[in-house]
Amino acid sequence: MRCWTPPIKFNTIHAKLLATYILLTTLGTSLMASYILWSFHAYFMRTRQADLENWTTALGESVADALEEKDIPRVKLLVQRYGAPQTVTLRVFDAQGNLIATSDPKLDRRVTNWYVVPGMQQAFQNTAAQGVAKGVLSNEDRLYIARPIERKHQLLGVLRMSMTLEQFQRQFMRVIWSVLGTLALTILLCALISSRFARSLSKPIEIMRNFAIRLGSGNFGDRLIIHQNNELDQLAVELNRMSERLASLDHERRVFLANVSHELRTPISNVQVTVDALKGGAYEEAQLRDRFFQTIENETKRLSRLIHDLLDLGRLEAGVTELEVQTIPLRGLINRAVNAVEPRMQAAGVTLQVNIAELQITGDPERLLQAILNLLDNAIKHSRPNSQVFISGHSAGKTAVIKIQDQGQGISESDLPRIFEQFYTTDPSRKGSGNGLGLAIAKRIIEAHRGSITATSIPHQGATFTISLPLQG
């Protein structure tokens, strides 16, 4: 058994795994970064909006008092005081829409229609409005709030406060660039880690791919070594089992071909020698000629039986033989087999003792008959003269058990596991005139009927073959 580790070549498996990891990392970190930025932006906007609401609420009370007393200078003082920061613009309008006070008089002189300014129309309709809009006569984004000033359900005016978002936007851009930089660094680190992780996965897969290629090329028996402690280890174990099984099957195939060649060569050689002898003049002697013709006939029949058995065995192993399943009385099946071998038994001086219970099985009667005949043929072939062959049949649960026992020399313990192999001839004491395929065919037939067959033996007392078949229903 060879242990083989092929050279590693990183192919598209590594590239696809790496691309997948990087894509997932990029997608995940991008979504997380986007959520963080969105949350930060939303939090800031809510906070500043709340500040505007608090400021305008407090300032609105003071402005309402001044407007109620018609104290315009006091209104202007409040606007100048609270609208002093450059980021804040504060305006107060009377109930008719006239600008009373502003923190940015230079800009406001250029405005001719205040009703088009965002939020103003809603405020004059006694409804507060707030949001983000472009500044008055400028393109900068500003956060604004416009709310009506009222006392005793009487509209006294409108207060509008806005603050620029430019500083926040600059700060937010710095945050964005910081997040993007962190994101890029994270993706780079994840790419390096993913590359190593992808390589750890693609390496054993590549090894197993090359191993499978070698198996496909006929290099059986190699052993794959993978140290992963995961499902890949289990896959490597199964590949090693497959390699061993293929090596075993390849060995069996070679042995089978050698046996077939040997079995075919012997009768063909005998026929060829006999034909040459007839051509050399043996044809002229009647007694010798008849003996040679009988030899040719015997060897031809032997070849015919061998070819028939080989084809039969091939069909059974390939699973292409269709079974004609029907209900079969077990006693009737055994009687058919006994009647078929009775002349041979009489010629061999062997008697038969049958004890079969009334059982019903399901299967192909002709195929099962063939299997039983092969076992009886084997029993007769290896029985001593004036001995007996015992056939019994009984039920065990949902199974019919059939036993065929002879009184021959038995099977040696070392050869017992191999008796169902094709061309089994390892034990000279059990050699006969057959071709060594009878037991193999019987085993395939029984297994095709979802049954089993086993053999036991006691030296010098005979062998027992036990068949188990499902009972009907």
Protein backbone atom coordinates (compact mmCIF):
# COMPACT_ATOMS: atom_id res chain seq x y z
CA MET A 1 0.00 0.00 0.00
CA ARG A 2 1.55 3.32 -1.07
CA CYS A 3 0.96 6.62 0.70
CA TRP A 4 0.79 9.39 -1.87
CA THR A 5 0.67 13.16 -1.52
CA PRO A 6 0.57 15.02 -4.86
CA PRO A 7 2.05 18.48 -5.56
CA ILE A 8 -0.35 21.30 -4.73
CA LYS A 9 -1.68 23.55 -7.47
CA PHE A 10 -4.01 26.35 -6.46
CA ASN A 11 -6.83 26.36 -8.93
CA THR A 12 -10.19 28.04 -9.19
CA ILE A 13 -11.37 26.42 -5.94
CA HIS A 14 -8.97 28.60 -3.96
CA ALA A 15 -9.85 31.65 -6.06
CA LYS A 16 -13.60 31.10 -5.67
CA LEU A 17 -13.35 30.53 -1.94
CA LEU A 18 -11.19 33.62 -1.51
CA ALA A 19 -13.50 35.74 -3.67
CA THR A 20 -16.51 34.50 -1.70
CA TYR A 21 -14.92 35.28 1.66
CA ILE A 22 -13.82 38.75 0.54
CA LEU A 23 -17.23 39.47 -0.97
CA LEU A 24 -19.03 38.41 2.19
CA THR A 25 -16.59 40.36 4.36
CA THR A 26 -16.94 43.46 2.21
CA LEU A 27 -20.71 43.18 2.16
CA GLY A 28 -20.95 42.60 5.90
CA THR A 29 -18.54 45.36 6.93
CA SER A 30 -20.07 47.78 4.40
CA LEU A 31 -23.54 47.16 5.74
CA MET A 32 -22.30 47.58 9.29
CA ALA A 33 -20.40 50.78 8.44
CA SER A 34 -23.41 52.17 6.58
CA TYR A 35 -25.65 51.43 9.54
CA ILE A 36 -23.22 53.10 11.93
CA LEU A 37 -22.95 56.20 9.74
CA TRP A 38 -26.69 56.37 9.25
CA SER A 39 -27.27 55.97 12.98
CA PHE A 40 -24.71 58.70 13.75
CA HIS A 41 -26.25 61.09 11.22
CA ALA A 42 -29.79 60.39 12.41
CA TYR A 43 -28.74 60.83 16.04
CA PHE A 44 -27.10 64.18 15.32
CA MET A 45 -30.08 65.45 13.33
CA ARG A 46 -32.50 64.41 16.06
CA THR A 47 -30.34 66.05 18.71
CA ARG A 48 -29.99 69.35 16.83
CA GLN A 49 -33.68 69.31 15.96
CA ALA A 50 -34.51 68.83 19.64
CA ASP A 51 -32.19 71.73 20.48
CA LEU A 52 -34.01 73.97 17.99
CA GLU A 53 -37.36 72.98 19.46
CA ASN A 54 -36.20 73.76 23.01
CA TRP A 55 -34.65 77.08 22.00
CA THR A 56 -37.65 78.25 20.00
CA THR A 57 -40.06 77.15 22.72
CA ALA A 58 -38.25 79.17 25.37
CA LEU A 59 -37.64 82.12 23.04
CA GLY A 60 -41.22 82.02 21.74
CA GLU A 61 -42.59 82.77 25.20
CA SER A 62 -40.42 85.83 25.57
CA VAL A 63 -41.22 87.06 22.06
CA ALA A 64 -44.94 86.46 22.65
CA ASP A 65 -44.80 88.65 25.78
CA ALA A 66 -43.07 91.44 23.84
CA LEU A 67 -45.46 91.24 20.89
CA GLU A 68 -48.45 91.21 23.18
CA GLU A 69 -47.15 94.44 24.73
CA LYS A 70 -46.18 95.72 21.25
CA ASP A 71 -42.61 96.16 22.50
CA ILE A 72 -40.75 95.85 19.16
CA PRO A 73 -37.35 97.00 20.49
CA ARG A 74 -37.45 94.20 23.02
CA VAL A 75 -38.15 91.72 20.20
CA LYS A 76 -35.16 93.00 18.27
CA LEU A 77 -33.00 92.75 21.37
CA LEU A 78 -34.02 89.14 21.89
CA VAL A 79 -33.29 88.34 18.23
CA GLN A 80 -29.87 89.98 18.35
CA ARG A 81 -29.00 88.18 21.56
CA TYR A 82 -30.10 84.67 20.53
CA GLY A 83 -29.17 85.04 16.87
CA ALA A 84 -25.65 86.28 17.53
CA PRO A 85 -23.85 82.96 16.67
CA GLN A 86 -22.84 82.84 13.00
CA THR A 87 -24.26 79.35 12.66
CA VAL A 88 -27.74 80.46 13.79
CA THR A 89 -30.21 82.73 11.99
CA LEU A 90 -33.25 83.99 13.87
CA ARG A 91 -36.23 85.86 12.43
CA VAL A 92 -39.51 87.14 13.90
CA PHE A 93 -42.52 88.10 11.78
CA ASP A 94 -45.77 89.80 12.78
CA ALA A 95 -49.16 88.28 12.08
CA GLN A 96 -49.33 90.05 8.68
CA GLY A 97 -46.09 88.46 7.48
CA ASN A 98 -43.87 91.47 7.91
CA LEU A 99 -40.31 90.91 9.11
CA ILE A 100 -39.96 92.57 12.50
CA ALA A 101 -36.51 91.46 13.58
CA THR A 102 -33.68 89.40 12.05
CA SER A 103 -30.17 88.36 12.97
CA ASP A 104 -29.07 88.74 9.32
CA PRO A 105 -30.53 92.04 8.05
CA LYS A 106 -28.19 92.34 5.03
CA LEU A 107 -29.43 89.07 3.56
CA ASP A 108 -33.06 89.53 4.51
CA ARG A 109 -33.34 92.89 2.69
CA ARG A 110 -33.09 90.97 -0.57
CA VAL A 111 -36.05 88.67 0.20
CA THR A 112 -39.28 89.88 -1.37
CA ASN A 113 -41.62 86.97 -0.55
CA TRP A 114 -41.25 85.17 2.75
CA TYR A 115 -44.11 82.80 2.07
CA VAL A 116 -41.92 80.75 -0.32
CA VAL A 117 -39.32 80.16 2.39
CA PRO A 118 -39.66 76.56 3.69
CA GLY A 119 -41.92 76.32 6.74
CA MET A 120 -43.26 79.88 6.63
CA GLN A 121 -46.56 79.15 4.94
CA GLN A 122 -47.38 76.37 7.44
CA ALA A 123 -46.41 78.60 10.39
CA PHE A 124 -48.72 81.43 9.26
CA GLN A 125 -51.43 78.78 9.10
CA ASN A 126 -50.81 78.22 12.81
CA THR A 127 -48.90 74.93 12.24
CA ALA A 128 -45.28 74.37 13.28
CA ALA A 129 -42.90 73.07 10.60
CA GLN A 130 -39.35 71.79 10.73
CA GLY A 131 -36.82 69.97 8.55
CA VAL A 132 -33.76 70.48 6.37
CA ALA A 133 -33.74 72.95 3.48
CA LYS A 134 -31.46 75.22 1.52
CA GLY A 135 -30.69 78.54 3.17
CA VAL A 136 -32.51 81.73 2.18
CA LEU A 137 -30.84 82.92 -1.06
CA SER A 138 -27.99 80.38 -0.51
CA ASN A 139 -27.23 76.74 -1.38
CA GLU A 140 -26.02 75.62 2.02
CA ASP A 141 -28.05 73.01 3.89
CA ARG A 142 -29.70 74.30 7.04
CA LEU A 143 -31.79 72.78 9.77
CA TYR A 144 -34.84 74.96 10.44
CA ILE A 145 -37.96 75.29 12.54
CA ALA A 146 -40.82 77.71 11.99
CA ARG A 147 -43.49 77.96 14.63
CA PRO A 148 -46.42 80.30 15.24
CA ILE A 149 -46.42 82.70 18.21
CA GLU A 150 -49.82 82.86 19.81
CA ARG A 151 -51.58 83.94 22.96
CA LYS A 152 -55.16 83.21 23.88
CA HIS A 153 -55.62 81.41 20.55
CA GLN A 154 -54.60 84.59 18.70
CA LEU A 155 -51.72 84.52 16.19
CA LEU A 156 -49.24 87.24 17.17
CA GLY A 157 -46.52 86.32 14.70
CA VAL A 158 -44.06 83.67 13.51
CA LEU A 159 -40.65 82.72 14.84
CA ARG A 160 -38.19 81.03 12.45
CA MET A 161 -34.81 79.73 13.57
CA SER A 162 -32.30 77.89 11.40
CA MET A 163 -28.74 76.67 11.84
CA THR A 164 -26.18 75.77 9.23
CA LEU A 165 -25.13 72.13 8.78
CA GLU A 166 -21.82 72.98 7.10
CA GLN A 167 -19.69 72.34 10.17
CA PHE A 168 -21.51 69.10 10.89
CA GLN A 169 -21.13 68.04 7.26
CA ARG A 170 -17.38 68.68 7.42
CA GLN A 171 -17.14 66.68 10.61
CA PHE A 172 -19.34 63.98 9.13
CA MET A 173 -17.12 63.73 6.05
CA ARG A 174 -14.11 63.24 8.31
CA VAL A 175 -16.02 60.48 10.08
CA ILE A 176 -16.92 58.93 6.72
CA TRP A 177 -13.29 58.93 5.58
CA SER A 178 -12.22 57.45 8.92
CA VAL A 179 -14.83 54.72 8.61
CA LEU A 180 -13.84 54.06 4.98
CA GLY A 181 -10.19 53.80 5.98
CA THR A 182 -11.06 51.42 8.79
CA LEU A 183 -13.26 49.48 6.39
CA ALA A 184 -10.46 49.17 3.83
CA LEU A 185 -8.03 48.01 6.51
CA THR A 186 -10.57 45.51 7.83
CA ILE A 187 -11.19 44.12 4.34
CA LEU A 188 -7.43 43.83 3.74
CA LEU A 189 -6.89 41.94 7.00
CA CYS A 190 -9.92 39.73 6.31
CA ALA A 191 -8.59 39.06 2.80
CA LEU A 192 -5.27 37.86 4.24
CA ILE A 193 -7.04 35.68 6.80
CA SER A 194 -9.51 34.44 4.19
CA SER A 195 -6.68 33.58 1.81
CA ARG A 196 -5.09 31.40 4.45
CA PHE A 197 -8.43 29.83 5.36
CA ALA A 198 -9.36 29.26 1.70
CA ARG A 199 -5.97 27.67 1.11
CA SER A 200 -6.52 25.32 4.07
CA LEU A 201 -9.78 24.17 2.43
CA SER A 202 -8.67 24.11 -1.19
CA LYS A 203 -5.44 22.22 -0.48
CA PRO A 204 -7.09 18.95 0.70
CA ILE A 205 -9.75 19.26 -2.00
CA GLU A 206 -7.03 19.58 -4.63
CA ILE A 207 -5.20 16.59 -3.14
CA MET A 208 -8.38 14.51 -3.27
CA ARG A 209 -9.11 15.65 -6.83
CA ASN A 210 -5.67 14.51 -8.01
CA PHE A 211 -6.09 11.31 -6.01
CA ALA A 212 -9.39 10.62 -7.76
CA ILE A 213 -7.72 11.32 -11.13
CA ARG A 214 -5.06 8.74 -10.29
CA LEU A 215 -7.75 6.23 -9.35
CA GLY A 216 -9.50 6.95 -12.64
CA SER A 217 -6.21 6.25 -14.42
CA GLY A 218 -6.02 2.80 -12.85
CA ASN A 219 -3.54 3.50 -10.04
CA PHE A 220 -5.38 1.50 -7.38
CA GLY A 221 -4.13 0.85 -3.89
CA ASP A 222 -2.69 4.32 -3.16
CA ARG A 223 -3.54 5.80 0.21
CA LEU A 224 -4.63 9.38 0.80
CA ILE A 225 -3.42 11.25 3.90
CA ILE A 226 -5.47 14.29 4.99
CA HIS A 227 -5.24 15.90 8.43
CA GLN A 228 -8.24 18.22 8.82
CA ASN A 229 -10.30 16.82 11.73
CA ASN A 230 -13.55 17.53 9.89
CA GLU A 231 -15.74 16.09 7.12
CA LEU A 232 -12.76 16.12 4.73
CA ASP A 233 -11.08 13.51 6.94
CA GLN A 234 -14.16 11.32 6.61
CA LEU A 235 -14.14 11.84 2.84
CA ALA A 236 -10.47 10.85 2.72
CA VAL A 237 -11.28 7.68 4.68
CA GLU A 238 -14.01 6.80 2.18
CA LEU A 239 -11.67 7.49 -0.76
CA ASN A 240 -9.08 5.20 0.81
CA ARG A 241 -11.73 2.51 1.21
CA MET A 242 -12.71 2.99 -2.40
CA SER A 243 -9.07 2.73 -3.45
CA GLU A 244 -8.63 -0.49 -1.49
CA ARG A 245 -11.89 -1.88 -2.88
CA LEU A 246 -10.88 -0.99 -6.43
CA ALA A 247 -7.50 -2.59 -5.89
CA SER A 248 -9.25 -5.72 -4.61
CA LEU A 249 -11.68 -5.71 -7.54
CA ASP A 250 -8.81 -5.21 -9.97
CA HIS A 251 -7.02 -8.17 -8.43
CA GLU A 252 -10.20 -10.26 -8.62
CA ARG A 253 -10.65 -9.21 -12.24
CA ARG A 254 -7.11 -10.29 -13.10
CA VAL A 255 -7.56 -13.59 -11.29
CA PHE A 256 -10.92 -14.09 -12.97
CA LEU A 257 -9.44 -13.46 -16.44
CA ALA A 258 -6.57 -15.82 -15.68
CA ASN A 259 -9.00 -18.51 -14.54
CA VAL A 260 -11.23 -18.01 -17.57
CA SER A 261 -8.20 -18.23 -19.85
CA HIS A 262 -7.09 -21.41 -18.13
CA GLU A 263 -10.55 -22.97 -18.24
CA LEU A 264 -10.92 -22.13 -21.93
CA ARG A 265 -7.39 -23.16 -22.88
CA THR A 266 -7.68 -26.73 -21.59
CA PRO A 267 -10.70 -27.91 -23.64
CA ILE A 268 -9.56 -25.97 -26.70
CA SER A 269 -6.11 -27.58 -26.47
CA ASN A 270 -7.68 -31.01 -26.08
CA VAL A 271 -9.88 -30.44 -29.13
CA GLN A 272 -6.93 -29.12 -31.13
CA VAL A 273 -4.72 -32.13 -30.22
CA THR A 274 -7.55 -34.52 -31.07
CA VAL A 275 -8.19 -32.86 -34.43
CA ASP A 276 -4.47 -32.97 -35.26
CA ALA A 277 -4.42 -36.67 -34.38
CA LEU A 278 -7.39 -37.33 -36.67
CA LYS A 279 -5.66 -35.43 -39.46
CA GLY A 280 -2.50 -37.51 -38.84
CA GLY A 281 -4.24 -40.79 -39.65
CA ALA A 282 -6.13 -41.75 -36.51
CA TYR A 283 -9.34 -41.31 -38.52
CA GLU A 284 -8.66 -44.61 -40.30
CA GLU A 285 -8.88 -46.68 -37.10
CA ALA A 286 -12.58 -46.94 -36.18
CA GLN A 287 -12.11 -47.52 -32.45
CA LEU A 288 -9.59 -44.71 -32.06
CA ARG A 289 -11.65 -42.41 -34.26
CA ASP A 290 -14.79 -42.96 -32.15
CA ARG A 291 -12.85 -42.26 -28.95
CA PHE A 292 -11.43 -39.06 -30.43
CA PHE A 293 -14.90 -37.91 -31.59
CA GLN A 294 -16.22 -38.57 -28.09
CA THR A 295 -13.39 -36.47 -26.67
CA ILE A 296 -14.27 -33.61 -29.03
CA GLU A 297 -17.95 -33.85 -28.08
CA ASN A 298 -17.16 -33.89 -24.34
CA GLU A 299 -14.82 -30.90 -24.57
CA THR A 300 -17.32 -28.99 -26.72
CA LYS A 301 -20.06 -29.57 -24.13
CA ARG A 302 -17.65 -28.46 -21.42
CA LEU A 303 -16.94 -25.25 -23.33
CA SER A 304 -20.65 -24.68 -23.84
CA ARG A 305 -21.39 -25.11 -20.12
CA LEU A 306 -18.53 -22.77 -19.20
CA ILE A 307 -19.65 -20.03 -21.57
CA HIS A 308 -23.26 -20.39 -20.42
CA ASP A 309 -22.23 -20.16 -16.76
CA LEU A 310 -19.99 -17.14 -17.43
CA LEU A 311 -22.81 -15.29 -19.18
CA ASP A 312 -25.24 -16.24 -16.42
CA LEU A 313 -22.85 -15.05 -13.72
CA GLY A 314 -22.20 -11.80 -15.59
CA ARG A 315 -25.90 -11.02 -15.89
CA LEU A 316 -26.50 -11.77 -12.20
CA GLU A 317 -23.61 -9.60 -11.03
CA ALA A 318 -24.66 -6.75 -13.32
CA GLY A 319 -28.23 -6.93 -12.00
CA VAL A 320 -29.75 -7.10 -15.48
CA THR A 321 -31.50 -10.42 -14.93
CA GLU A 322 -35.22 -9.89 -14.38
CA LEU A 323 -36.85 -12.18 -11.83
CA GLU A 324 -40.32 -13.55 -12.48
CA VAL A 325 -41.57 -13.26 -8.93
CA GLN A 326 -44.41 -15.57 -7.91
CA THR A 327 -45.54 -17.66 -4.96
CA ILE A 328 -43.63 -20.95 -4.76
CA PRO A 329 -44.36 -24.01 -2.56
CA LEU A 330 -40.98 -24.85 -1.08
CA ARG A 331 -41.65 -28.59 -1.00
CA GLY A 332 -42.60 -28.60 -4.70
CA LEU A 333 -39.43 -26.68 -5.59
CA ILE A 334 -37.20 -29.14 -3.72
CA ASN A 335 -39.01 -32.12 -5.30
CA ARG A 336 -38.30 -30.72 -8.77
CA ALA A 337 -34.62 -30.45 -7.92
CA VAL A 338 -34.51 -33.97 -6.45
CA ASN A 339 -36.18 -35.46 -9.53
CA ALA A 340 -33.66 -33.71 -11.78
CA VAL A 341 -30.57 -35.09 -9.98
CA GLU A 342 -31.95 -38.54 -9.18
CA PRO A 343 -30.19 -40.32 -12.13
CA ARG A 344 -26.85 -38.83 -11.12
CA MET A 345 -27.35 -39.84 -7.52
CA GLN A 346 -28.09 -43.42 -8.48
CA ALA A 347 -25.01 -43.51 -10.69
CA ALA A 348 -22.85 -42.13 -7.86
CA GLY A 349 -24.36 -44.49 -5.27
CA VAL A 350 -25.72 -41.62 -3.16
CA THR A 351 -29.12 -41.64 -1.48
CA LEU A 352 -31.19 -38.63 -0.51
CA GLN A 353 -33.17 -37.89 2.64
CA VAL A 354 -35.68 -35.01 2.38
CA ASN A 355 -37.59 -33.31 5.19
CA ILE A 356 -39.30 -30.13 3.96
CA ALA A 357 -42.10 -28.32 5.80
CA GLU A 358 -45.12 -26.86 4.02
CA LEU A 359 -43.84 -23.32 3.38
CA GLN A 360 -44.59 -20.66 0.79
CA ILE A 361 -41.84 -18.42 -0.54
CA THR A 362 -41.78 -15.76 -3.25
CA GLY A 363 -39.31 -15.55 -6.10
CA ASP A 364 -38.37 -16.77 -9.54
CA PRO A 365 -38.92 -20.56 -9.48
CA GLU A 366 -36.52 -21.31 -12.34
CA ARG A 367 -33.69 -19.27 -10.85
CA LEU A 368 -34.17 -20.75 -7.38
CA LEU A 369 -34.28 -24.21 -8.94
CA GLN A 370 -30.97 -23.45 -10.65
CA ALA A 371 -29.39 -22.42 -7.32
CA ILE A 372 -30.59 -25.55 -5.50
CA LEU A 373 -29.47 -27.80 -8.39
CA ASN A 374 -26.00 -26.24 -8.22
CA LEU A 375 -25.82 -27.00 -4.49
CA LEU A 376 -27.08 -30.55 -4.97
CA ASP A 377 -24.60 -31.04 -7.79
CA ASN A 378 -21.82 -29.90 -5.47
CA ALA A 379 -23.06 -32.23 -2.70
CA ILE A 380 -23.24 -35.26 -5.03
CA LYS A 381 -19.88 -34.48 -6.55
CA HIS A 382 -18.12 -34.54 -3.17
CA SER A 383 -20.08 -37.32 -1.45
CA ARG A 384 -18.52 -40.68 -0.71
CA PRO A 385 -20.05 -43.75 -2.36
CA ASN A 386 -22.96 -45.24 -0.42
CA SER A 387 -23.40 -42.03 1.60
CA GLN A 388 -26.42 -39.77 2.06
CA VAL A 389 -27.33 -36.19 1.24
CA PHE A 390 -29.76 -34.54 3.65
CA ILE A 391 -32.16 -31.76 2.63
CA SER A 392 -34.27 -30.02 5.25
CA GLY A 393 -36.50 -26.98 5.24
CA HIS A 394 -38.19 -25.14 8.08
CA SER A 395 -39.28 -21.66 9.08
CA ALA A 396 -37.47 -19.31 11.45
CA GLY A 397 -39.54 -16.21 12.05
CA LYS A 398 -40.28 -14.69 8.64
CA THR A 399 -37.52 -16.69 6.94
CA ALA A 400 -37.43 -20.08 5.26
CA VAL A 401 -34.23 -21.98 6.12
CA ILE A 402 -33.05 -24.68 3.70
CA LYS A 403 -30.07 -26.91 4.56
CA ILE A 404 -28.21 -29.23 2.17
CA GLN A 405 -25.69 -31.51 3.90
CA ASP A 406 -23.33 -34.07 2.38
CA GLN A 407 -21.08 -36.72 3.92
CA GLY A 408 -17.92 -35.96 1.99
CA GLN A 409 -14.44 -34.91 3.10
CA GLY A 410 -15.60 -31.44 4.12
CA ILE A 411 -13.96 -28.09 3.45
CA SER A 412 -10.78 -26.92 5.14
CA GLU A 413 -11.11 -23.95 7.49
CA SER A 414 -8.73 -21.81 5.42
CA ASP A 415 -10.70 -22.40 2.19
CA LEU A 416 -14.18 -22.06 3.66
CA PRO A 417 -14.43 -18.24 3.18
CA ARG A 418 -13.53 -18.58 -0.53
CA ILE A 419 -15.86 -21.31 -1.73
CA PHE A 420 -18.32 -18.86 -3.31
CA GLU A 421 -15.60 -17.24 -5.45
CA GLN A 422 -15.53 -17.87 -9.17
CA PHE A 423 -13.38 -20.83 -10.24
CA TYR A 424 -12.84 -21.97 -6.66
CA THR A 425 -10.35 -24.86 -6.92
CA THR A 426 -7.98 -24.20 -4.05
CA ASP A 427 -8.85 -27.41 -2.18
CA PRO A 428 -7.77 -30.43 -4.23
CA SER A 429 -10.02 -32.71 -2.18
CA ARG A 430 -13.10 -30.91 -3.57
CA LYS A 431 -12.11 -30.72 -7.23
CA GLY A 432 -14.46 -32.31 -9.70
CA SER A 433 -15.52 -32.08 -13.28
CA GLY A 434 -17.23 -28.69 -12.90
CA ASN A 435 -15.87 -25.27 -13.81
CA GLY A 436 -15.97 -23.71 -10.34
CA LEU A 437 -18.86 -21.35 -11.07
CA GLY A 438 -21.81 -23.28 -9.62
CA LEU A 439 -21.55 -21.99 -6.05
CA ALA A 440 -20.84 -18.44 -7.22
CA ILE A 441 -23.98 -18.48 -9.38
CA ALA A 442 -26.04 -19.96 -6.54
CA LYS A 443 -24.89 -17.21 -4.19
CA ARG A 444 -25.81 -14.43 -6.70
CA ILE A 445 -29.27 -15.97 -7.26
CA ILE A 446 -30.02 -16.21 -3.52
CA GLU A 447 -28.83 -12.64 -2.92
CA ALA A 448 -30.99 -11.41 -5.82
CA HIS A 449 -33.98 -12.84 -3.86
CA ARG A 450 -32.98 -10.81 -0.76
CA GLY A 451 -31.70 -13.97 0.89
CA SER A 452 -28.36 -15.29 2.10
CA ILE A 453 -26.28 -18.44 1.84
CA THR A 454 -23.58 -19.70 4.18
CA ALA A 455 -21.43 -22.81 4.47
CA THR A 456 -20.08 -24.74 7.43
CA SER A 457 -17.96 -27.86 7.50
CA ILE A 458 -16.62 -30.53 9.82
CA PRO A 459 -13.41 -32.14 8.51
CA HIS A 460 -14.00 -35.65 7.12
CA GLN A 461 -17.72 -35.45 8.00
CA GLY A 462 -19.04 -33.28 5.20
CA ALA A 463 -20.21 -29.74 4.49
CA THR A 464 -23.55 -28.01 5.14
CA PHE A 465 -24.92 -25.20 2.99
CA THR A 466 -27.66 -23.08 4.58
CA ILE A 467 -30.01 -20.92 2.51
CA SER A 468 -32.25 -18.25 4.06
CA LEU A 469 -35.12 -16.84 1.96
CA PRO A 470 -38.01 -14.54 2.94
CA LEU A 471 -41.35 -16.25 3.45
CA GLN A 472 -44.39 -15.06 1.55
CA GLY A 473 -46.10 -11.97 2.96
